[in-house]
Structure formats: structure tokens, C-alpha cells
Amino acid sequence: MKHPTLKADMTAAEVLEKWPQTVPVFQHFRAACVGCALAPFDTLDDVARIYSLDLSLFLARLQEAVAEEAQV
């Protein structure tokens, strides 16, 4: 089964709504996106820039959370 792929142009709110299991990933990276008023507007790329994150690593960890939940 193919897992959905997260993309850097997706908004934080879109990711959190579709895959709530990603909440701990945002928290791990200390990204205050959960409950933030800007989450519907900030893309994952924006989040990485705002919080000085490695975008590839951030996306990979989010993708892992999505894939792990899909296997359950």
C-alpha cells in the first residue's frame, strides 16, 4: 500500500488535519503550529524557515509518522 506523500507546499493546518499523528513531530521540533492562527497559511517550507529546521529532515519525520500510522 502506497502512503501519501507530504510536500513542502502543504500548509501546517492541512497536514495536522489530515494526519493528527504528526502532532508529536511538530512538538519535537518545537514548532508551535498546533493551534496556531497562522497554521492555515504557513506551508511546511515556511515552518522550516521560521524555526530554522532542515526541511528534508522535517519532511522525513512527518512522513514517518504518517507511514507508521498507516501500518497500524
PDB file of N, CA and C in Angstrom:
ATOM      1  N   MET A   1       0.832  -1.181   0.000  1.00  0.00           N
ATOM      2  CA  MET A   1       0.000   0.000   0.000  1.00  0.00           C
ATOM      3  C   MET A   1       0.879   1.248   0.000  1.00  0.00           C
ATOM      4  N   LYS A   2       0.613   2.147  -0.902  1.00  0.00           N
ATOM      5  CA  LYS A   2       1.403   3.379  -1.020  1.00  0.00           C
ATOM      6  C   LYS A   2       0.890   4.410  -0.020  1.00  0.00           C
ATOM      7  N   HIS A   3       1.817   5.033   0.669  1.00  0.00           N
ATOM      8  CA  HIS A   3       1.461   6.043   1.654  1.00  0.00           C
ATOM      9  C   HIS A   3       1.408   7.410   0.980  1.00  0.00           C
ATOM     10  N   PRO A   4       0.548   8.292   1.454  1.00  0.00           N
ATOM     11  CA  PRO A   4       0.511   9.648   0.899  1.00  0.00           C
ATOM     12  C   PRO A   4       1.845  10.345   1.128  1.00  0.00           C
ATOM     13  N   THR A   5       2.204  11.196   0.225  1.00  0.00           N
ATOM     14  CA  THR A   5       3.471  11.911   0.334  1.00  0.00           C
ATOM     15  C   THR A   5       3.214  13.348   0.749  1.00  0.00           C
ATOM     16  N   LEU A   6       3.897  13.758   1.787  1.00  0.00           N
ATOM     17  CA  LEU A   6       3.812  15.145   2.217  1.00  0.00           C
ATOM     18  C   LEU A   6       4.697  15.981   1.304  1.00  0.00           C
ATOM     19  N   LYS A   7       4.260  17.190   1.052  1.00  0.00           N
ATOM     20  CA  LYS A   7       5.035  18.093   0.205  1.00  0.00           C
ATOM     21  C   LYS A   7       5.264  19.403   0.939  1.00  0.00           C
ATOM     22  N   ALA A   8       6.346  20.055   0.610  1.00  0.00           N
ATOM     23  CA  ALA A   8       6.742  21.289   1.284  1.00  0.00           C
ATOM     24  C   ALA A   8       5.737  22.416   1.103  1.00  0.00           C
ATOM     25  N   ASP A   9       4.901  22.333   0.069  1.00  0.00           N
ATOM     26  CA  ASP A   9       3.934  23.411  -0.162  1.00  0.00           C
ATOM     27  C   ASP A   9       2.590  23.170   0.529  1.00  0.00           C
ATOM     28  N   MET A  10       2.481  22.082   1.292  1.00  0.00           N
ATOM     29  CA  MET A  10       1.266  21.838   2.071  1.00  0.00           C
ATOM     30  C   MET A  10       1.297  22.730   3.304  1.00  0.00           C
ATOM     31  N   THR A  11       0.125  23.198   3.742  1.00  0.00           N
ATOM     32  CA  THR A  11       0.104  24.026   4.943  1.00  0.00           C
ATOM     33  C   THR A  11       0.196  23.142   6.185  1.00  0.00           C
ATOM     34  N   ALA A  12       0.663  23.744   7.253  1.00  0.00           N
ATOM     35  CA  ALA A  12       0.750  23.019   8.520  1.00  0.00           C
ATOM     36  C   ALA A  12      -0.636  22.543   8.943  1.00  0.00           C
ATOM     37  N   ALA A  13      -1.645  23.390   8.782  1.00  0.00           N
ATOM     38  CA  ALA A  13      -3.010  23.016   9.166  1.00  0.00           C
ATOM     39  C   ALA A  13      -3.511  21.837   8.346  1.00  0.00           C
ATOM     40  N   GLU A  14      -3.211  21.827   7.063  1.00  0.00           N
ATOM     41  CA  GLU A  14      -3.624  20.722   6.195  1.00  0.00           C
ATOM     42  C   GLU A  14      -3.013  19.408   6.682  1.00  0.00           C
ATOM     43  N   VAL A  15      -1.754  19.436   7.001  1.00  0.00           N
ATOM     44  CA  VAL A  15      -1.061  18.227   7.478  1.00  0.00           C
ATOM     45  C   VAL A  15      -1.643  17.782   8.815  1.00  0.00           C
ATOM     46  N   LEU A  16      -1.817  18.716   9.733  1.00  0.00           N
ATOM     47  CA  LEU A  16      -2.330  18.382  11.055  1.00  0.00           C
ATOM     48  C   LEU A  16      -3.758  17.851  10.992  1.00  0.00           C
ATOM     49  N   GLU A  17      -4.548  18.384  10.081  1.00  0.00           N
ATOM     50  CA  GLU A  17      -5.932  17.926   9.944  1.00  0.00           C
ATOM     51  C   GLU A  17      -6.007  16.533   9.334  1.00  0.00           C
ATOM     52  N   LYS A  18      -5.235  16.308   8.274  1.00  0.00           N
ATOM     53  CA  LYS A  18      -5.254  15.005   7.596  1.00  0.00           C
ATOM     54  C   LYS A  18      -4.573  13.918   8.411  1.00  0.00           C
ATOM     55  N   TRP A  19      -3.495  14.282   9.087  1.00  0.00           N
ATOM     56  CA  TRP A  19      -2.683  13.314   9.820  1.00  0.00           C
ATOM     57  C   TRP A  19      -2.396  13.823  11.232  1.00  0.00           C
ATOM     58  N   PRO A  20      -3.351  13.716  12.139  1.00  0.00           N
ATOM     59  CA  PRO A  20      -3.126  14.213  13.501  1.00  0.00           C
ATOM     60  C   PRO A  20      -1.972  13.517  14.218  1.00  0.00           C
ATOM     61  N   GLN A  21      -1.565  12.357  13.720  1.00  0.00           N
ATOM     62  CA  GLN A  21      -0.437  11.655  14.330  1.00  0.00           C
ATOM     63  C   GLN A  21       0.882  12.412  14.115  1.00  0.00           C
ATOM     64  N   THR A  22       0.857  13.488  13.330  1.00  0.00           N
ATOM     65  CA  THR A  22       2.062  14.297  13.123  1.00  0.00           C
ATOM     66  C   THR A  22       2.262  15.337  14.230  1.00  0.00           C
ATOM     67  N   VAL A  23       1.275  15.510  15.103  1.00  0.00           N
ATOM     68  CA  VAL A  23       1.396  16.498  16.191  1.00  0.00           C
ATOM     69  C   VAL A  23       2.698  16.329  16.973  1.00  0.00           C
ATOM     70  N   PRO A  24       3.053  15.100  17.406  1.00  0.00           N
ATOM     71  CA  PRO A  24       4.307  14.957  18.152  1.00  0.00           C
ATOM     72  C   PRO A  24       5.549  15.371  17.366  1.00  0.00           C
ATOM     73  N   VAL A  25       5.492  15.258  16.055  1.00  0.00           N
ATOM     74  CA  VAL A  25       6.641  15.671  15.232  1.00  0.00           C
ATOM     75  C   VAL A  25       6.796  17.184  15.301  1.00  0.00           C
ATOM     76  N   PHE A  26       5.700  17.916  15.135  1.00  0.00           N
ATOM     77  CA  PHE A  26       5.759  19.375  15.258  1.00  0.00           C
ATOM     78  C   PHE A  26       6.268  19.755  16.646  1.00  0.00           C
ATOM     79  N   GLN A  27       5.774  19.063  17.675  1.00  0.00           N
ATOM     80  CA  GLN A  27       6.210  19.357  19.040  1.00  0.00           C
ATOM     81  C   GLN A  27       7.688  19.035  19.240  1.00  0.00           C
ATOM     82  N   HIS A  28       8.138  17.918  18.687  1.00  0.00           N
ATOM     83  CA  HIS A  28       9.550  17.538  18.810  1.00  0.00           C
ATOM     84  C   HIS A  28      10.471  18.626  18.250  1.00  0.00           C
ATOM     85  N   PHE A  29      10.054  19.211  17.133  1.00  0.00           N
ATOM     86  CA  PHE A  29      10.862  20.259  16.501  1.00  0.00           C
ATOM     87  C   PHE A  29      10.572  21.644  17.099  1.00  0.00           C
ATOM     88  N   ARG A  30       9.752  21.668  18.158  1.00  0.00           N
ATOM     89  CA  ARG A  30       9.395  22.907  18.845  1.00  0.00           C
ATOM     90  C   ARG A  30       8.732  23.924  17.918  1.00  0.00           C
ATOM     91  N   ALA A  31       7.980  23.404  16.960  1.00  0.00           N
ATOM     92  CA  ALA A  31       7.215  24.249  16.047  1.00  0.00           C
ATOM     93  C   ALA A  31       5.820  24.423  16.648  1.00  0.00           C
ATOM     94  N   ALA A  32       5.454  25.637  16.939  1.00  0.00           N
ATOM     95  CA  ALA A  32       4.199  25.929  17.638  1.00  0.00           C
ATOM     96  C   ALA A  32       3.005  25.968  16.688  1.00  0.00           C
ATOM     97  N   CYS A  33       2.972  25.080  15.723  1.00  0.00           N
ATOM     98  CA  CYS A  33       1.929  25.082  14.699  1.00  0.00           C
ATOM     99  C   CYS A  33       0.591  24.564  15.212  1.00  0.00           C
ATOM    100  N   VAL A  34       0.634  23.674  16.187  1.00  0.00           N
ATOM    101  CA  VAL A  34      -0.596  23.091  16.718  1.00  0.00           C
ATOM    102  C   VAL A  34      -1.375  24.197  17.435  1.00  0.00           C
ATOM    103  N   GLY A  35      -2.528  24.542  16.890  1.00  0.00           N
ATOM    104  CA  GLY A  35      -3.360  25.590  17.466  1.00  0.00           C
ATOM    105  C   GLY A  35      -2.982  27.008  17.060  1.00  0.00           C
ATOM    106  N   CYS A  36      -1.971  27.158  16.224  1.00  0.00           N
ATOM    107  CA  CYS A  36      -1.528  28.495  15.808  1.00  0.00           C
ATOM    108  C   CYS A  36      -2.469  29.070  14.754  1.00  0.00           C
ATOM    109  N   ALA A  37      -2.758  30.345  14.863  1.00  0.00           N
ATOM    110  CA  ALA A  37      -3.638  31.019  13.912  1.00  0.00           C
ATOM    111  C   ALA A  37      -3.026  31.101  12.510  1.00  0.00           C
ATOM    112  N   LEU A  38      -1.709  30.966  12.395  1.00  0.00           N
ATOM    113  CA  LEU A  38      -1.058  31.043  11.091  1.00  0.00           C
ATOM    114  C   LEU A  38      -0.923  29.684  10.405  1.00  0.00           C
ATOM    115  N   ALA A  39      -1.246  28.602  11.108  1.00  0.00           N
ATOM    116  CA  ALA A  39      -1.105  27.251  10.543  1.00  0.00           C
ATOM    117  C   ALA A  39      -1.837  27.068   9.210  1.00  0.00           C
ATOM    118  N   PRO A  40      -3.009  27.693   9.013  1.00  0.00           N
ATOM    119  CA  PRO A  40      -3.674  27.531   7.711  1.00  0.00           C
ATOM    120  C   PRO A  40      -2.948  28.246   6.563  1.00  0.00           C
ATOM    121  N   PHE A  41      -2.021  29.096   6.897  1.00  0.00           N
ATOM    122  CA  PHE A  41      -1.327  29.891   5.880  1.00  0.00           C
ATOM    123  C   PHE A  41       0.131  29.488   5.681  1.00  0.00           C
ATOM    124  N   ASP A  42       0.780  29.026   6.742  1.00  0.00           N
ATOM    125  CA  ASP A  42       2.196  28.662   6.653  1.00  0.00           C
ATOM    126  C   ASP A  42       2.361  27.270   6.069  1.00  0.00           C
ATOM    127  N   THR A  43       3.182  27.185   5.039  1.00  0.00           N
ATOM    128  CA  THR A  43       3.486  25.885   4.450  1.00  0.00           C
ATOM    129  C   THR A  43       4.554  25.192   5.295  1.00  0.00           C
ATOM    130  N   LEU A  44       4.776  23.932   5.016  1.00  0.00           N
ATOM    131  CA  LEU A  44       5.840  23.218   5.728  1.00  0.00           C
ATOM    132  C   LEU A  44       7.186  23.858   5.440  1.00  0.00           C
ATOM    133  N   ASP A  45       7.356  24.364   4.236  1.00  0.00           N
ATOM    134  CA  ASP A  45       8.581  25.092   3.898  1.00  0.00           C
ATOM    135  C   ASP A  45       8.715  26.342   4.770  1.00  0.00           C
ATOM    136  N   ASP A  46       7.613  27.072   4.940  1.00  0.00           N
ATOM    137  CA  ASP A  46       7.622  28.252   5.812  1.00  0.00           C
ATOM    138  C   ASP A  46       7.983  27.868   7.243  1.00  0.00           C
ATOM    139  N   VAL A  47       7.379  26.787   7.734  1.00  0.00           N
ATOM    140  CA  VAL A  47       7.645  26.332   9.101  1.00  0.00           C
ATOM    141  C   VAL A  47       9.133  26.027   9.275  1.00  0.00           C
ATOM    142  N   ALA A  48       9.698  25.334   8.305  1.00  0.00           N
ATOM    143  CA  ALA A  48      11.119  25.002   8.383  1.00  0.00           C
ATOM    144  C   ALA A  48      11.974  26.272   8.429  1.00  0.00           C
ATOM    145  N   ARG A  49      11.622  27.257   7.615  1.00  0.00           N
ATOM    146  CA  ARG A  49      12.380  28.512   7.609  1.00  0.00           C
ATOM    147  C   ARG A  49      12.201  29.282   8.918  1.00  0.00           C
ATOM    148  N   ILE A  50      10.959  29.382   9.377  1.00  0.00           N
ATOM    149  CA  ILE A  50      10.657  30.133  10.599  1.00  0.00           C
ATOM    150  C   ILE A  50      11.397  29.555  11.809  1.00  0.00           C
ATOM    151  N   TYR A  51      11.451  28.228  11.881  1.00  0.00           N
ATOM    152  CA  TYR A  51      12.053  27.565  13.046  1.00  0.00           C
ATOM    153  C   TYR A  51      13.477  27.067  12.783  1.00  0.00           C
ATOM    154  N   SER A  52      14.058  27.497  11.669  1.00  0.00           N
ATOM    155  CA  SER A  52      15.432  27.121  11.308  1.00  0.00           C
ATOM    156  C   SER A  52      15.638  25.608  11.326  1.00  0.00           C
ATOM    157  N   LEU A  53      14.703  24.898  10.671  1.00  0.00           N
ATOM    158  CA  LEU A  53      14.767  23.440  10.591  1.00  0.00           C
ATOM    159  C   LEU A  53      15.327  23.004   9.250  1.00  0.00           C
ATOM    160  N   ASP A  54      15.919  21.838   9.235  1.00  0.00           N
ATOM    161  CA  ASP A  54      16.324  21.215   7.982  1.00  0.00           C
ATOM    162  C   ASP A  54      15.039  20.687   7.343  1.00  0.00           C
ATOM    163  N   LEU A  55      14.639  21.266   6.223  1.00  0.00           N
ATOM    164  CA  LEU A  55      13.365  20.912   5.598  1.00  0.00           C
ATOM    165  C   LEU A  55      13.296  19.429   5.255  1.00  0.00           C
ATOM    166  N   SER A  56      14.360  18.875   4.720  1.00  0.00           N
ATOM    167  CA  SER A  56      14.358  17.453   4.349  1.00  0.00           C
ATOM    168  C   SER A  56      14.141  16.562   5.568  1.00  0.00           C
ATOM    169  N   LEU A  57      14.807  16.872   6.658  1.00  0.00           N
ATOM    170  CA  LEU A  57      14.653  16.086   7.877  1.00  0.00           C
ATOM    171  C   LEU A  57      13.240  16.238   8.451  1.00  0.00           C
ATOM    172  N   PHE A  58      12.746  17.449   8.474  1.00  0.00           N
ATOM    173  CA  PHE A  58      11.401  17.728   8.976  1.00  0.00           C
ATOM    174  C   PHE A  58      10.358  16.946   8.173  1.00  0.00           C
ATOM    175  N   LEU A  59      10.449  17.021   6.853  1.00  0.00           N
ATOM    176  CA  LEU A  59       9.516  16.282   5.993  1.00  0.00           C
ATOM    177  C   LEU A  59       9.653  14.772   6.196  1.00  0.00           C
ATOM    178  N   ALA A  60      10.867  14.304   6.349  1.00  0.00           N
ATOM    179  CA  ALA A  60      11.087  12.872   6.545  1.00  0.00           C
ATOM    180  C   ALA A  60      10.436  12.387   7.835  1.00  0.00           C
ATOM    181  N   ARG A  61      10.578  13.157   8.911  1.00  0.00           N
ATOM    182  CA  ARG A  61       9.988  12.763  10.197  1.00  0.00           C
ATOM    183  C   ARG A  61       8.456  12.805  10.126  1.00  0.00           C
ATOM    184  N   LEU A  62       7.916  13.805   9.452  1.00  0.00           N
ATOM    185  CA  LEU A  62       6.466  13.866   9.274  1.00  0.00           C
ATOM    186  C   LEU A  62       5.991  12.666   8.459  1.00  0.00           C
ATOM    187  N   GLN A  63       6.722  12.357   7.407  1.00  0.00           N
ATOM    188  CA  GLN A  63       6.362  11.232   6.544  1.00  0.00           C
ATOM    189  C   GLN A  63       6.405   9.919   7.325  1.00  0.00           C
ATOM    190  N   GLU A  64       7.394   9.765   8.175  1.00  0.00           N
ATOM    191  CA  GLU A  64       7.499   8.559   9.010  1.00  0.00           C
ATOM    192  C   GLU A  64       6.274   8.413   9.907  1.00  0.00           C
ATOM    193  N   ALA A  65       5.823   9.522  10.484  1.00  0.00           N
ATOM    194  CA  ALA A  65       4.643   9.477  11.357  1.00  0.00           C
ATOM    195  C   ALA A  65       3.404   9.057  10.573  1.00  0.00           C
ATOM    196  N   VAL A  66       3.277   9.566   9.366  1.00  0.00           N
ATOM    197  CA  VAL A  66       2.137   9.198   8.515  1.00  0.00           C
ATOM    198  C   VAL A  66       2.215   7.719   8.151  1.00  0.00           C
ATOM    199  N   ALA A  67       3.389   7.249   7.772  1.00  0.00           N
ATOM    200  CA  ALA A  67       3.570   5.864   7.355  1.00  0.00           C
ATOM    201  C   ALA A  67       3.347   4.897   8.520  1.00  0.00           C
ATOM    202  N   GLU A  68       3.838   5.241   9.710  1.00  0.00           N
ATOM    203  CA  GLU A  68       3.674   4.379  10.877  1.00  0.00           C
ATOM    204  C   GLU A  68       2.207   4.197  11.216  1.00  0.00           C
ATOM    205  N   GLU A  69       1.439   5.265  11.166  1.00  0.00           N
ATOM    206  CA  GLU A  69       0.013   5.191  11.479  1.00  0.00           C
ATOM    207  C   GLU A  69      -0.725   4.350  10.452  1.00  0.00           C
ATOM    208  N   ALA A  70      -0.309   4.429   9.198  1.00  0.00           N
ATOM    209  CA  ALA A  70      -0.964   3.677   8.130  1.00  0.00           C
ATOM    210  C   ALA A  70      -0.732   2.170   8.287  1.00  0.00           C
ATOM    211  N   GLN A  71       0.348   1.788   8.951  1.00  0.00           N
ATOM    212  CA  GLN A  71       0.667   0.371   9.135  1.00  0.00           C
ATOM    213  C   GLN A  71      -0.120  -0.261  10.272  1.00  0.00           C
ATOM    214  N   VAL A  72      -0.692   0.556  11.135  1.00  0.00           N
ATOM    215  CA  VAL A  72      -1.414   0.034  12.307  1.00  0.00           C
ATOM    216  C   VAL A  72      -2.724  -0.581  11.892  1.00  0.00           C
TER     217      VAL A  72
END
